[in-house]
Protein backbone atom coordinates (compact mmCIF):
# COMPACT_ATOMS: atom_id res chain seq x y z
CA MET A 1 -32.27 56.71 49.98
CA GLY A 2 -31.40 53.83 47.70
CA THR A 3 -28.90 53.36 44.97
CA VAL A 4 -30.35 53.80 41.51
CA VAL A 5 -29.69 50.61 39.59
CA PRO A 6 -30.37 50.50 35.86
CA GLU A 7 -32.59 47.69 34.62
CA ARG A 8 -30.75 44.41 34.24
CA GLU A 9 -31.17 41.45 31.94
CA GLU A 10 -33.30 38.87 33.75
CA GLY A 11 -31.18 36.24 35.46
CA ALA A 12 -27.96 38.21 34.94
CA VAL A 13 -25.76 38.69 37.97
CA SER A 14 -23.57 41.72 38.39
CA VAL A 15 -21.13 42.81 41.07
CA THR A 16 -21.41 46.10 42.94
CA TYR A 17 -18.30 47.63 44.47
CA LYS A 18 -18.67 50.18 47.23
CA VAL A 19 -16.27 52.85 48.43
CA ALA A 20 -17.25 54.22 51.84
CA LEU A 21 -15.52 57.55 52.48
CA ARG A 22 -15.23 59.80 55.49
CA THR A 23 -14.35 63.06 53.80
CA PRO A 24 -15.21 66.75 53.94
CA ALA A 25 -15.95 66.53 50.19
CA THR A 26 -19.53 66.58 48.95
CA PRO A 27 -20.99 63.84 46.75
CA ARG A 28 -20.80 66.26 43.78
CA SER A 29 -17.11 66.95 44.34
CA VAL A 30 -16.42 63.23 44.83
CA MET A 31 -18.15 62.56 41.49
CA ALA A 32 -16.04 65.27 39.85
CA ALA A 33 -12.90 63.63 41.28
CA LEU A 34 -14.09 60.23 40.06
CA LEU A 35 -14.62 61.61 36.55
CA ALA A 36 -11.13 63.15 36.62
CA ALA A 37 -9.69 59.78 37.70
CA ALA A 38 -11.58 58.04 34.89
CA ALA A 39 -10.72 60.55 32.17
CA PRO A 40 -7.49 58.91 30.91
CA SER A 41 -9.23 55.57 30.33
CA GLY A 42 -12.64 56.91 29.29
CA LEU A 43 -14.16 54.47 31.79
CA VAL A 44 -17.00 56.70 33.05
CA GLU A 45 -19.39 58.93 31.11
CA PRO A 46 -21.31 61.39 33.33
CA ARG A 47 -25.12 61.21 33.38
CA ASP A 48 -25.66 63.95 35.96
CA ALA A 49 -23.87 65.49 38.95
CA ARG A 50 -23.83 62.23 40.92
CA ARG A 51 -24.26 59.42 38.40
CA GLY A 52 -22.38 58.00 35.48
CA THR A 53 -22.32 55.11 33.04
CA LEU A 54 -19.37 52.78 32.53
CA ARG A 55 -18.24 52.36 28.94
CA ASP A 56 -19.71 48.84 28.81
CA GLY A 57 -23.10 49.60 30.37
CA GLY A 58 -22.25 49.39 34.06
CA TRP A 59 -22.97 52.34 36.32
CA VAL A 60 -21.61 54.66 39.00
CA ASP A 61 -23.60 56.40 41.73
CA VAL A 62 -22.27 58.78 44.42
CA GLU A 63 -24.44 59.52 47.45
CA ALA A 64 -24.32 61.11 50.87
CA ALA A 65 -23.92 58.25 53.32
CA GLU A 66 -26.80 57.41 55.61
CA PRO A 67 -25.30 54.85 57.99
CA ASP A 68 -27.68 52.75 60.01
CA PRO A 69 -26.50 51.88 63.51
CA PRO A 70 -24.65 49.70 64.05
CA ASP A 71 -22.66 50.84 61.01
CA PRO A 72 -20.42 48.00 59.78
CA VAL A 73 -17.70 50.38 58.52
CA ARG A 74 -17.51 52.12 61.89
CA ARG A 75 -17.49 48.80 63.73
CA ALA A 76 -14.78 47.22 61.54
CA PHE A 77 -12.61 50.20 60.56
CA GLY A 78 -13.32 52.92 63.11
CA PHE A 79 -14.89 55.64 60.98
CA THR A 80 -18.39 56.62 59.90
CA PRO A 81 -18.75 57.25 56.16
CA THR A 82 -20.05 60.58 54.87
CA VAL A 83 -20.06 59.72 51.15
CA GLU A 84 -20.57 56.40 49.38
CA VAL A 85 -19.54 55.53 45.84
CA TYR A 86 -21.15 52.54 44.12
CA VAL A 87 -19.73 50.99 40.96
CA GLY A 88 -21.94 48.36 39.36
CA LEU A 89 -20.44 46.15 36.71
CA ALA A 90 -22.50 45.05 33.72
CA PRO A 91 -23.21 41.30 33.95
CA PHE A 92 -21.44 40.45 30.70
CA GLY A 93 -19.32 43.57 30.31
CA GLU A 94 -15.66 44.11 29.62
CA VAL A 95 -15.03 46.27 32.71
CA GLY A 96 -13.60 44.18 35.55
CA ASP A 97 -12.32 44.49 39.08
CA GLY A 98 -8.91 45.75 37.90
CA ASP A 99 -10.65 48.70 36.24
CA VAL A 100 -12.54 49.41 39.45
CA VAL A 101 -9.36 49.22 41.54
CA ARG A 102 -7.55 51.65 39.20
CA LEU A 103 -10.54 54.00 39.30
CA VAL A 104 -10.67 53.92 43.11
CA LEU A 105 -6.92 54.46 43.44
CA GLY A 106 -7.28 57.52 41.19
CA LEU A 107 -10.20 58.72 43.30
CA LEU A 108 -8.19 58.36 46.50
CA GLU A 109 -5.40 60.48 44.98
CA ARG A 110 -7.96 63.28 44.57
CA VAL A 111 -10.16 62.98 47.67
CA ALA A 112 -8.89 63.29 51.23
CA GLY A 113 -10.12 61.21 54.12
CA ASP A 114 -10.66 57.66 55.27
CA ALA A 115 -11.92 55.02 52.85
CA VAL A 116 -12.73 51.36 52.40
CA LEU A 117 -13.30 49.56 49.08
CA HIS A 118 -15.34 46.37 49.36
CA VAL A 119 -17.83 44.11 47.67
CA HIS A 120 -21.00 43.38 49.68
CA HIS A 121 -19.11 43.60 53.00
CA GLU A 122 -17.41 40.33 52.02
CA GLU A 123 -14.26 41.11 50.04
CA VAL A 124 -12.35 44.10 51.37
CA TYR A 125 -9.78 45.35 48.87
CA LEU A 126 -8.31 48.27 50.75
CA VAL A 127 -8.63 50.62 53.68
CA ARG A 128 -7.18 54.09 54.03
CA ARG A 129 -7.25 55.30 57.63
CA ASP A 130 -5.52 58.44 58.90
CA GLY A 131 -3.61 58.65 55.60
CA ARG A 132 -2.26 55.08 55.83
CA LEU A 133 -3.16 52.72 53.00
CA THR A 134 -3.58 49.03 53.80
CA VAL A 135 -4.49 46.52 51.11
CA SER A 136 -5.78 43.01 51.61
CA ASP A 137 -3.23 40.25 51.95
CA ASP A 138 -5.44 38.13 49.64
CA ASP A 139 -3.28 37.43 46.58
CA ASP A 140 -6.39 36.84 44.46
CA LEU A 141 -7.45 40.47 45.06
CA TRP A 142 -3.89 41.83 44.84
CA PRO A 143 -1.75 39.84 42.41
CA PRO A 144 1.81 41.17 41.90
CA ALA A 145 0.93 43.21 38.79
CA ARG A 146 -1.87 44.98 40.67
CA LEU A 147 0.32 45.62 43.70
CA ALA A 148 2.63 47.55 41.36
CA TRP A 149 -0.16 50.12 40.84
CA LEU A 150 -0.10 51.12 44.51
CA PRO A 151 1.54 54.22 45.90
CA HIS A 152 4.10 54.01 48.67
CA PRO A 153 4.04 53.79 51.59
CA ARG A 154 1.46 51.07 51.94
CA GLU A 155 0.87 47.97 54.03
CA ARG A 156 -0.69 44.58 53.46
CA GLY A 157 -2.77 42.76 56.01
CA PRO A 158 -5.95 40.84 56.66
CA LEU A 159 -9.00 43.02 56.05
CA SER A 160 -12.57 42.06 56.82
CA PHE A 161 -15.80 43.23 58.36
CA GLY A 162 -15.43 40.13 60.60
């Protein structure tokens, strides 16, 4: 099962964020929670029960996870995802990583379970494990203004798939 990616302008590069969740929630209920989190900003317009469009042409896709052994999330963070959320930014769009972080924080308020937000297994923004939120100690990912968005308690530390 692959992620549905809308056609892109030739030569354009976009970034895809991934939230790997271990949750009892279904992909449909995760999408509903994502839409609720996005409602105040109007960031996501639903296309169907598991897909949406970002206001600038990017996309969202929520799927049941199908981890392939050895699963990198399990190896690095100790849990096997059951649902995966993909957020693809439009190559020249107005939506940026701050919008994605706010959206994911809103999602995590609404969906129980373990989670990791990352980009291509390279930049890990946050991990929630056993109810404890840890965000990367990378100041480029978490400048002071963005840290202010976070709930308490939370921790900062090095995060990687390393």
